[in-house]
Protein backbone atom coordinates (compact mmCIF):
# COMPACT_ATOMS: atom_id res chain seq x y z
CA MET A 1 -9.38 -16.40 -39.52
CA THR A 2 -11.90 -16.45 -36.66
CA GLU A 3 -13.17 -12.99 -35.77
CA LEU A 4 -12.16 -11.80 -32.32
CA LYS A 5 -15.23 -10.80 -30.30
CA ILE A 6 -14.75 -7.91 -27.89
CA LEU A 7 -17.00 -6.90 -25.00
CA VAL A 8 -16.31 -3.31 -23.89
CA SER A 9 -16.50 -2.61 -20.16
CA GLY A 10 -17.48 1.01 -19.58
CA ALA A 11 -20.01 2.85 -21.73
CA GLY A 12 -18.52 6.33 -21.31
CA LYS A 13 -16.47 8.33 -23.79
CA MET A 14 -13.45 6.04 -23.56
CA GLY A 15 -15.55 2.88 -23.90
CA GLN A 16 -17.31 4.28 -26.97
CA GLN A 17 -13.96 5.16 -28.53
CA VAL A 18 -12.71 1.61 -27.86
CA ALA A 19 -15.83 0.13 -29.49
CA ALA A 20 -15.37 2.33 -32.57
CA ALA A 21 -11.69 1.37 -32.87
CA VAL A 22 -12.51 -2.32 -32.54
CA ALA A 23 -15.26 -2.05 -35.16
CA ALA A 24 -12.80 -0.50 -37.61
CA GLU A 25 -10.20 -3.22 -37.06
CA PRO A 26 -10.07 -6.19 -39.49
CA GLY A 27 -10.79 -9.53 -37.84
CA MET A 28 -12.24 -7.92 -34.72
CA SER A 29 -15.76 -6.92 -33.70
CA ALA A 30 -17.40 -5.24 -30.71
CA VAL A 31 -20.34 -7.31 -29.45
CA GLY A 32 -21.63 -4.97 -26.74
CA PHE A 33 -21.03 -2.88 -23.64
CA VAL A 34 -21.19 -3.90 -19.98
CA ASP A 35 -21.41 -1.15 -17.39
CA GLY A 36 -22.68 -1.49 -13.83
CA LEU A 37 -23.87 2.13 -13.82
CA ALA A 38 -25.59 2.12 -17.21
CA ALA A 39 -29.21 1.40 -17.99
CA ALA A 40 -29.91 -1.59 -20.23
CA GLY A 41 -30.51 -0.63 -23.85
CA ASN A 42 -28.47 0.13 -26.95
CA LEU A 43 -25.53 2.42 -27.61
CA SER A 44 -24.05 2.99 -31.05
CA GLY A 45 -26.03 -0.01 -32.26
CA LEU A 46 -24.62 -2.33 -29.60
CA PRO A 47 -26.42 -3.83 -26.58
CA VAL A 48 -25.66 -2.39 -23.14
CA ALA A 49 -25.86 -4.63 -20.06
CA SER A 50 -25.28 -3.93 -16.38
CA ASP A 51 -24.79 -7.59 -15.39
CA ALA A 52 -21.31 -8.85 -16.32
CA ALA A 53 -22.07 -12.56 -16.01
CA GLY A 54 -25.26 -12.22 -18.05
CA ALA A 55 -23.47 -10.25 -20.77
CA ILE A 56 -20.70 -12.83 -21.05
CA GLU A 57 -23.15 -15.71 -21.24
CA ALA A 58 -25.27 -13.94 -23.86
CA LEU A 59 -22.54 -12.47 -26.06
CA HIS A 60 -19.70 -15.04 -25.72
CA PRO A 61 -16.80 -12.57 -25.99
CA ASP A 62 -13.18 -13.67 -26.40
CA VAL A 63 -11.82 -10.54 -24.70
CA ILE A 64 -13.18 -7.86 -22.39
CA ILE A 65 -11.54 -4.44 -22.71
CA ASP A 66 -12.07 -2.51 -19.49
CA PHE A 67 -11.91 1.27 -19.12
CA SER A 68 -14.37 1.81 -16.29
CA ASN A 69 -13.70 2.56 -12.61
CA ALA A 70 -11.74 1.01 -9.78
CA ALA A 71 -14.86 -0.07 -7.90
CA TRP A 72 -16.23 -2.07 -10.86
CA THR A 73 -13.09 -3.63 -12.36
CA PRO A 74 -12.19 -6.20 -9.65
CA GLY A 75 -15.66 -7.78 -9.69
CA LEU A 76 -15.73 -7.78 -13.48
CA ALA A 77 -12.29 -9.43 -13.60
CA ARG A 78 -13.38 -12.17 -11.21
CA ILE A 79 -16.41 -12.99 -13.36
CA ALA A 80 -14.41 -12.85 -16.61
CA ILE A 81 -11.70 -15.21 -15.35
CA GLU A 82 -14.32 -17.64 -14.03
CA HIS A 83 -15.83 -17.73 -17.54
CA GLY A 84 -12.45 -18.12 -19.26
CA VAL A 85 -12.63 -14.70 -20.91
CA ARG A 86 -9.38 -12.80 -21.40
CA LEU A 87 -8.96 -9.26 -20.05
CA VAL A 88 -7.34 -6.02 -21.18
CA VAL A 89 -7.54 -3.51 -18.32
CA GLY A 90 -6.81 0.19 -18.62
CA THR A 91 -8.63 1.32 -15.49
CA THR A 92 -6.36 3.06 -12.98
CA GLY A 93 -6.58 3.65 -9.24
CA LEU A 94 -7.15 -0.06 -8.62
CA PRO A 95 -6.74 -1.59 -5.13
CA ASP A 96 -3.19 -2.64 -4.25
CA ASP A 97 -4.21 -6.30 -3.99
CA PHE A 98 -5.85 -6.43 -7.44
CA VAL A 99 -2.79 -7.16 -9.60
CA PRO A 100 -1.39 -9.88 -7.28
CA TRP A 101 -4.83 -11.51 -7.18
CA LEU A 102 -5.23 -11.33 -10.97
CA SER A 103 -1.75 -12.74 -11.50
CA ALA A 104 -2.57 -15.76 -9.34
CA ALA A 105 -6.04 -16.22 -10.87
CA THR A 106 -4.87 -16.07 -14.49
CA SER A 107 -2.00 -18.48 -13.83
CA GLN A 108 -4.35 -20.92 -12.13
CA ARG A 109 -6.91 -20.74 -14.96
CA LYS A 110 -4.32 -20.44 -17.75
CA THR A 111 -6.15 -17.38 -19.00
CA GLY A 112 -4.35 -14.34 -20.38
CA ALA A 113 -4.73 -10.78 -19.14
CA VAL A 114 -3.03 -7.44 -19.73
CA VAL A 115 -3.09 -4.56 -17.25
CA ALA A 116 -1.50 -1.28 -18.33
CA ALA A 117 -1.45 2.22 -16.89
CA ASN A 118 -1.25 3.76 -20.35
CA PHE A 119 -1.92 2.40 -23.85
CA ALA A 120 -0.41 5.28 -25.86
CA ILE A 121 2.70 3.98 -27.60
CA GLY A 122 4.56 7.21 -26.85
CA ALA A 123 3.73 6.92 -23.14
CA VAL A 124 5.03 3.36 -23.08
CA LEU A 125 8.28 4.57 -24.63
CA MET A 126 8.44 7.50 -22.19
CA MET A 127 8.27 5.09 -19.25
CA HIS A 128 10.86 2.84 -20.88
CA PHE A 129 13.29 5.74 -21.45
CA ALA A 130 12.73 7.04 -17.91
CA ARG A 131 13.63 3.65 -16.50
CA GLN A 132 16.85 3.63 -18.52
CA ALA A 133 17.79 7.15 -17.42
CA ALA A 134 17.08 6.39 -13.76
CA ARG A 135 20.41 4.55 -13.46
CA PHE A 136 22.40 7.67 -14.35
CA PHE A 137 20.78 10.44 -12.28
CA ASP A 138 20.23 10.70 -8.53
CA ASN A 139 17.51 13.38 -8.63
CA ALA A 140 14.21 13.14 -10.47
CA GLU A 141 10.72 14.59 -10.39
CA ILE A 142 7.52 13.78 -12.28
CA ILE A 143 4.88 16.29 -13.33
CA GLU A 144 1.66 14.78 -14.67
CA LEU A 145 -1.14 16.90 -16.10
CA HIS A 146 -4.70 15.71 -16.74
CA HIS A 147 -8.22 17.01 -17.32
CA ASP A 148 -10.14 18.14 -14.26
CA GLN A 149 -12.52 15.14 -14.29
CA LYS A 150 -9.81 12.57 -13.56
CA VAL A 151 -10.66 10.73 -10.34
CA ASP A 152 -7.21 9.64 -9.15
CA SER A 153 -4.05 11.58 -8.26
CA PRO A 154 -1.34 10.87 -9.08
CA SER A 155 -2.19 9.19 -12.35
CA GLY A 156 -1.58 5.49 -12.84
CA THR A 157 1.03 6.37 -15.44
CA ALA A 158 2.97 8.59 -13.02
CA LYS A 159 2.84 5.99 -10.27
CA THR A 160 3.98 3.24 -12.64
CA THR A 161 6.75 5.43 -14.03
CA ALA A 162 8.06 6.10 -10.51
CA GLU A 163 7.94 2.39 -9.66
CA LEU A 164 9.88 1.50 -12.82
CA MET A 165 12.46 4.20 -12.14
CA ARG A 166 12.97 3.13 -8.53
CA GLY A 167 13.18 -0.52 -9.58
CA ALA A 168 16.03 0.30 -11.96
CA ARG A 169 18.23 1.51 -9.08
CA GLU A 170 19.83 0.01 -5.99
CA ALA A 171 19.17 3.11 -3.86
CA PRO A 172 16.31 5.61 -3.70
CA PHE A 173 16.62 8.93 -5.50
CA THR A 174 17.77 11.95 -3.54
CA HIS A 175 14.72 13.92 -2.41
CA PRO A 176 15.64 17.42 -1.20
CA VAL A 177 13.33 18.61 1.58
CA SER A 178 12.61 22.34 1.77
CA GLU A 179 13.83 24.05 4.92
CA LYS A 180 10.56 25.98 4.97
CA GLU A 181 7.20 24.99 3.49
CA PRO A 182 4.66 27.80 4.07
CA LEU A 183 2.11 25.81 2.05
CA PRO A 184 2.25 22.12 3.12
CA GLY A 185 2.40 19.71 0.20
CA ALA A 186 4.15 22.13 -2.14
CA ARG A 187 6.80 19.51 -2.90
CA GLY A 188 4.11 17.06 -4.01
CA ALA A 189 3.88 13.38 -3.23
CA GLU A 190 7.00 11.25 -2.96
CA TYR A 191 7.88 7.72 -4.05
CA GLY A 192 11.38 6.29 -3.76
CA GLY A 193 12.80 9.80 -3.54
CA ILE A 194 10.90 10.99 -6.64
CA ALA A 195 8.62 14.01 -6.15
CA ILE A 196 5.34 13.59 -8.07
CA HIS A 197 3.16 16.61 -8.89
CA SER A 198 -0.41 16.36 -10.23
CA VAL A 199 -2.02 19.14 -12.27
CA ARG A 200 -5.80 19.05 -12.94
CA LEU A 201 -7.19 21.61 -15.39
CA PRO A 202 -9.95 21.80 -18.00
CA GLY A 203 -8.46 21.79 -21.49
CA LEU A 204 -5.88 19.12 -20.72
CA VAL A 205 -6.11 15.47 -21.82
CA ALA A 206 -3.12 13.49 -20.49
CA HIS A 207 0.47 14.73 -20.28
CA GLN A 208 3.55 13.79 -18.33
CA GLU A 209 7.14 14.88 -18.05
CA VAL A 210 9.95 13.24 -16.12
CA ILE A 211 12.76 15.62 -15.20
CA PHE A 212 16.18 14.31 -14.18
CA GLY A 213 18.78 16.61 -12.64
CA GLY A 214 22.52 16.19 -12.40
CA LEU A 215 25.67 18.25 -12.14
CA GLY A 216 25.32 21.06 -14.69
CA GLN A 217 22.52 19.40 -16.65
CA THR A 218 18.90 18.29 -16.75
CA LEU A 219 17.15 15.70 -18.89
CA THR A 220 13.42 16.00 -19.62
CA ILE A 221 11.36 13.19 -21.13
CA ARG A 222 7.83 14.34 -22.01
CA HIS A 223 4.79 12.78 -23.61
CA ASP A 224 1.57 14.58 -24.61
CA THR A 225 -1.75 12.94 -25.37
CA THR A 226 -3.98 15.32 -27.31
CA GLY A 227 -6.85 12.89 -27.90
CA ARG A 228 -8.17 9.53 -26.72
CA ASP A 229 -7.52 8.10 -30.17
CA SER A 230 -3.83 7.90 -29.19
CA PHE A 231 -4.66 4.95 -26.92
CA MET A 232 -6.39 2.88 -29.59
CA PRO A 233 -3.41 1.26 -31.39
CA GLY A 234 -2.12 0.01 -28.04
CA VAL A 235 -5.56 -1.22 -26.98
CA VAL A 236 -6.06 -3.11 -30.24
CA ALA A 237 -2.56 -4.60 -30.07
CA ALA A 238 -3.14 -5.74 -26.47
CA ALA A 239 -6.46 -7.35 -27.42
CA ARG A 240 -4.71 -9.39 -30.10
CA GLU A 241 -1.70 -10.31 -27.97
CA VAL A 242 -3.74 -11.34 -24.92
CA MET A 243 -5.15 -14.24 -26.94
CA LYS A 244 -1.63 -15.72 -26.99
CA LEU A 245 -1.14 -15.47 -23.22
CA ASP A 246 -1.90 -17.89 -20.38
CA HIS A 247 -0.90 -15.48 -17.59
CA LEU A 248 -0.97 -11.82 -16.59
CA VAL A 249 1.27 -9.25 -18.26
CA VAL A 250 1.58 -5.84 -16.58
CA GLY A 251 2.42 -3.00 -18.95
CA LEU A 252 2.76 -2.96 -22.73
CA ASP A 253 6.56 -2.85 -22.67
CA GLU A 254 6.79 -6.63 -22.40
CA LEU A 255 4.38 -7.09 -25.31
CA PHE A 256 6.48 -4.69 -27.38
CA GLY A 257 9.79 -6.37 -26.53
CA LEU A 258 11.10 -3.49 -24.40
CA ARG A 259 12.12 -5.61 -21.40
């Protein structure tokens, strides 16, 4: 079996965890890091480059796994697709036109890509269950909790969850508006009638609960990530599956047969 060569985009904590997970996986190896904000050198015994095209041409990766930032990812994706390299993207807060562009580009080039808001298996199942429950309740709210260094609010997972829930229904959810709001914004953001609340505190990693309300009952679906290692099985699975694709897949649910 030919070893799958992985280039990791992003040399921060998440990127280093991805590289370690890849190195521990049979039939898979990390060949280096590419990071537009990093100085050239070595990290954990792997070369670090700031030029995406140069890194691809020097290291010949099969897949780039990207956990970087929303300003870097679109340019990286363009270069990767031009070189026929497959992509697994976990960066959130991306421009609205990124996914439509990537879908068209991968279809044109017959090159696979996976974009997912969350790679934790439990989070994928949480979103799947929330979409199923959305058909049976008219009121719902999302509370997402993350560490205080997270750059985007709401999280990509919360936004994706709300989109899936709204897409499962013919009509928007019922969104009660407070008669008085002494502190503007207390009801959070709103998408399709779903109130979304973001909590940012040191000590948290990534957590989300979806609360449905109905006559005489509530249903809460919650997922807690206590460490970045929870994302690694999903990342590794996506890196393997993307080699079989000739188009873009958004979310891991399709890869796991949940659609």
